[in-house]
Amino acid sequence: MKIVLMIVLSAVCLFFGGRFYFKYKRRKNFFEALVYLCQKFDVEINFSRERVQNIISSLDDKIKQALCGLDKNFLSTLEAKESLDKSKLFEKIVFLSEDEQNSIFLFFKSLGRSDMENQLKEIKNFESKFNDFSSASNVEFKKYGKLSIKLAVVASLMIVVIFL
């Protein structure tokens, strides 16, 4: 019985450590994908003058997965010809702060609202802001993501030592 309890408590510690690790990793990948999306918009709008829907639809599966459904939510709003709703745009995305959500919402709200030159300037401005978010989330991942795994392993080992 003691061994089973030890294994269960160690598994719980490792589970929560892994959960925190993947939270920070998801944030890092999300902002990297958002920066990539801005770069893709810049290139596609500037050179091929492609439509926003086509640009988002042509994203790689890896980028789409990293965006956590943000692209699908935006495309569904465009296809339904509805006004952009913040709660619908960030549906199932819970790891963003209010400031980050506001910036991303303004980015998607501004797409296709102005002429090409001003649109490219706005995309560049948002890209620099998303780069800042990306570098901050990368620092958080390096600091807290790996720390959570290490703490989970240490807690698991302490549980084993205590029960033995």
Protein backbone atom coordinates (compact mmCIF):
# COMPACT_ATOMS: atom_id res chain seq x y z
CA MET A 1 0.00 0.00 0.00
CA LYS A 2 2.84 2.32 0.87
CA ILE A 3 4.48 1.78 -2.54
CA VAL A 4 1.23 2.46 -4.39
CA LEU A 5 0.74 5.71 -2.47
CA MET A 6 4.34 6.69 -3.20
CA ILE A 7 3.87 6.02 -6.93
CA VAL A 8 0.57 7.92 -7.07
CA LEU A 9 1.96 10.98 -5.26
CA SER A 10 5.07 10.98 -7.46
CA ALA A 11 2.89 10.75 -10.58
CA VAL A 12 0.78 13.68 -9.37
CA CYS A 13 3.90 15.80 -8.83
CA LEU A 14 5.22 14.93 -12.28
CA PHE A 15 1.81 15.60 -13.84
CA PHE A 16 1.60 19.13 -12.44
CA GLY A 17 5.22 19.85 -13.33
CA GLY A 18 4.57 18.73 -16.91
CA ARG A 19 1.38 20.76 -17.05
CA PHE A 20 3.21 23.97 -16.15
CA TYR A 21 6.00 23.12 -18.58
CA PHE A 22 3.57 22.70 -21.47
CA LYS A 23 1.71 25.89 -20.55
CA TYR A 24 4.87 27.94 -20.96
CA LYS A 25 5.87 26.02 -24.06
CA ARG A 26 2.44 26.62 -25.65
CA ARG A 27 2.75 30.38 -24.96
CA LYS A 28 6.22 30.45 -26.54
CA ASN A 29 5.07 28.55 -29.63
CA PHE A 30 1.92 30.70 -29.90
CA PHE A 31 3.82 33.97 -30.06
CA GLU A 32 6.42 32.56 -32.44
CA ALA A 33 3.59 31.47 -34.74
CA LEU A 34 1.99 34.92 -34.46
CA VAL A 35 5.26 36.59 -35.49
CA TYR A 36 5.50 34.15 -38.40
CA LEU A 37 1.93 35.04 -39.40
CA CYS A 38 2.82 38.76 -39.43
CA GLN A 39 5.86 38.06 -41.58
CA LYS A 40 3.76 35.97 -43.95
CA PHE A 41 1.16 38.74 -44.19
CA ASP A 42 3.90 41.24 -44.95
CA VAL A 43 5.37 39.14 -47.75
CA GLU A 44 2.09 37.95 -49.26
CA ILE A 45 0.35 41.32 -49.20
CA ASN A 46 3.41 43.17 -50.45
CA PHE A 47 4.36 40.88 -53.32
CA SER A 48 1.49 38.65 -54.35
CA ARG A 49 -1.36 40.83 -53.03
CA GLU A 50 -3.11 37.72 -51.76
CA ARG A 51 -6.35 37.93 -49.76
CA VAL A 52 -6.30 37.55 -45.99
CA GLN A 53 -8.44 34.40 -46.03
CA ASN A 54 -6.11 32.72 -48.52
CA ILE A 55 -3.02 33.66 -46.52
CA ILE A 56 -4.42 32.21 -43.31
CA SER A 57 -5.73 29.11 -45.09
CA SER A 58 -2.31 28.42 -46.58
CA LEU A 59 -0.53 28.24 -43.22
CA ASP A 60 1.40 25.09 -42.30
CA ASP A 61 -0.24 22.61 -39.96
CA LYS A 62 2.47 23.21 -37.36
CA ILE A 63 1.73 26.95 -37.33
CA LYS A 64 -2.03 26.34 -37.23
CA GLN A 65 -1.57 24.03 -34.27
CA ALA A 66 0.61 26.59 -32.48
CA LEU A 67 -2.06 29.28 -32.99
CA CYS A 68 -4.45 27.16 -30.88
CA GLY A 69 -7.50 27.75 -33.09
CA LEU A 70 -7.09 31.52 -33.40
CA ASP A 71 -6.86 31.23 -37.18
CA LYS A 72 -10.03 29.11 -37.39
CA ASN A 73 -11.95 31.49 -35.15
CA PHE A 74 -10.93 34.46 -37.28
CA LEU A 75 -11.75 32.70 -40.54
CA SER A 76 -15.17 31.62 -39.26
CA THR A 77 -15.92 35.23 -38.38
CA LEU A 78 -14.86 36.37 -41.86
CA GLU A 79 -16.91 33.68 -43.59
CA ALA A 80 -20.01 34.52 -41.55
CA LYS A 81 -19.41 38.22 -42.31
CA GLU A 82 -19.91 39.08 -38.65
CA SER A 83 -18.13 41.74 -36.67
CA LEU A 84 -15.10 40.44 -34.82
CA ASP A 85 -15.95 39.39 -31.26
CA LYS A 86 -13.13 39.19 -28.73
CA SER A 87 -14.60 36.31 -26.75
CA LYS A 88 -15.21 34.27 -29.90
CA LEU A 89 -11.72 35.01 -31.24
CA PHE A 90 -10.01 33.77 -28.07
CA GLU A 91 -12.27 30.80 -27.48
CA LYS A 92 -10.30 28.00 -25.75
CA ILE A 93 -7.18 30.19 -25.43
CA VAL A 94 -6.72 30.77 -21.71
CA PHE A 95 -3.00 31.42 -21.36
CA LEU A 96 -2.97 35.02 -22.63
CA SER A 97 -3.04 38.12 -20.45
CA GLU A 98 -5.57 40.88 -21.05
CA ASP A 99 -2.94 43.14 -22.65
CA GLU A 100 -1.86 40.38 -25.03
CA GLN A 101 -5.47 39.64 -25.95
CA ASN A 102 -6.15 43.31 -26.64
CA SER A 103 -3.10 43.62 -28.91
CA ILE A 104 -3.95 40.47 -30.86
CA PHE A 105 -7.59 41.51 -31.13
CA LEU A 106 -6.59 44.92 -32.53
CA PHE A 107 -4.28 43.21 -35.01
CA PHE A 108 -7.01 40.98 -36.41
CA LYS A 109 -9.56 43.80 -36.30
CA SER A 110 -7.27 46.03 -38.38
CA LEU A 111 -6.64 43.46 -41.12
CA GLY A 112 -8.09 44.56 -44.44
CA ARG A 113 -9.32 47.92 -43.11
CA SER A 114 -6.89 50.24 -44.89
CA ASP A 115 -4.91 50.64 -48.09
CA MET A 116 -1.88 48.46 -48.76
CA GLU A 117 0.83 50.86 -47.57
CA ASN A 118 -0.84 51.66 -44.28
CA GLN A 119 -1.76 48.02 -43.79
CA LEU A 120 1.89 46.99 -44.18
CA LYS A 121 2.96 49.65 -41.65
CA GLU A 122 0.38 48.38 -39.17
CA ILE A 123 1.51 44.80 -39.69
CA LYS A 124 5.13 45.82 -39.05
CA ASN A 125 4.10 47.63 -35.85
CA PHE A 126 2.17 44.63 -34.61
CA GLU A 127 5.02 42.33 -35.60
CA SER A 128 7.43 44.27 -33.39
CA LYS A 129 4.93 44.14 -30.52
CA PHE A 130 4.47 40.40 -31.01
CA ASN A 131 8.26 39.99 -31.13
CA ASP A 132 8.40 41.61 -27.69
CA PHE A 133 5.71 39.21 -26.43
CA SER A 134 7.58 36.32 -28.02
CA SER A 135 10.90 37.19 -26.40
CA ALA A 136 9.19 37.64 -23.02
CA SER A 137 7.43 34.29 -23.32
CA ASN A 138 10.71 32.66 -24.39
CA VAL A 139 12.39 34.01 -21.25
CA GLU A 140 9.46 32.77 -19.14
CA PHE A 141 9.72 29.34 -20.76
CA LYS A 142 13.45 29.09 -20.11
CA LYS A 143 13.00 30.25 -16.55
CA TYR A 144 9.76 28.68 -15.34
CA GLY A 145 9.11 25.86 -17.81
CA LYS A 146 12.28 23.97 -17.10
CA LEU A 147 12.11 24.89 -13.42
CA SER A 148 8.69 23.28 -13.09
CA ILE A 149 10.00 19.98 -14.48
CA LYS A 150 13.00 20.08 -12.15
CA LEU A 151 10.82 20.87 -9.13
CA ALA A 152 8.43 18.06 -10.03
CA VAL A 153 11.30 15.56 -10.23
CA VAL A 154 12.75 16.79 -6.93
CA ALA A 155 9.32 16.59 -5.23
CA SER A 156 8.86 13.06 -6.58
CA LEU A 157 12.24 12.00 -5.28
CA MET A 158 11.52 13.56 -1.88
CA ILE A 159 8.27 11.61 -1.69
CA VAL A 160 10.15 8.42 -2.47
CA VAL A 161 12.77 9.19 0.19
CA ILE A 162 10.12 10.06 2.79
CA PHE A 163 8.17 6.84 2.21
CA LEU A 164 11.26 4.65 2.18
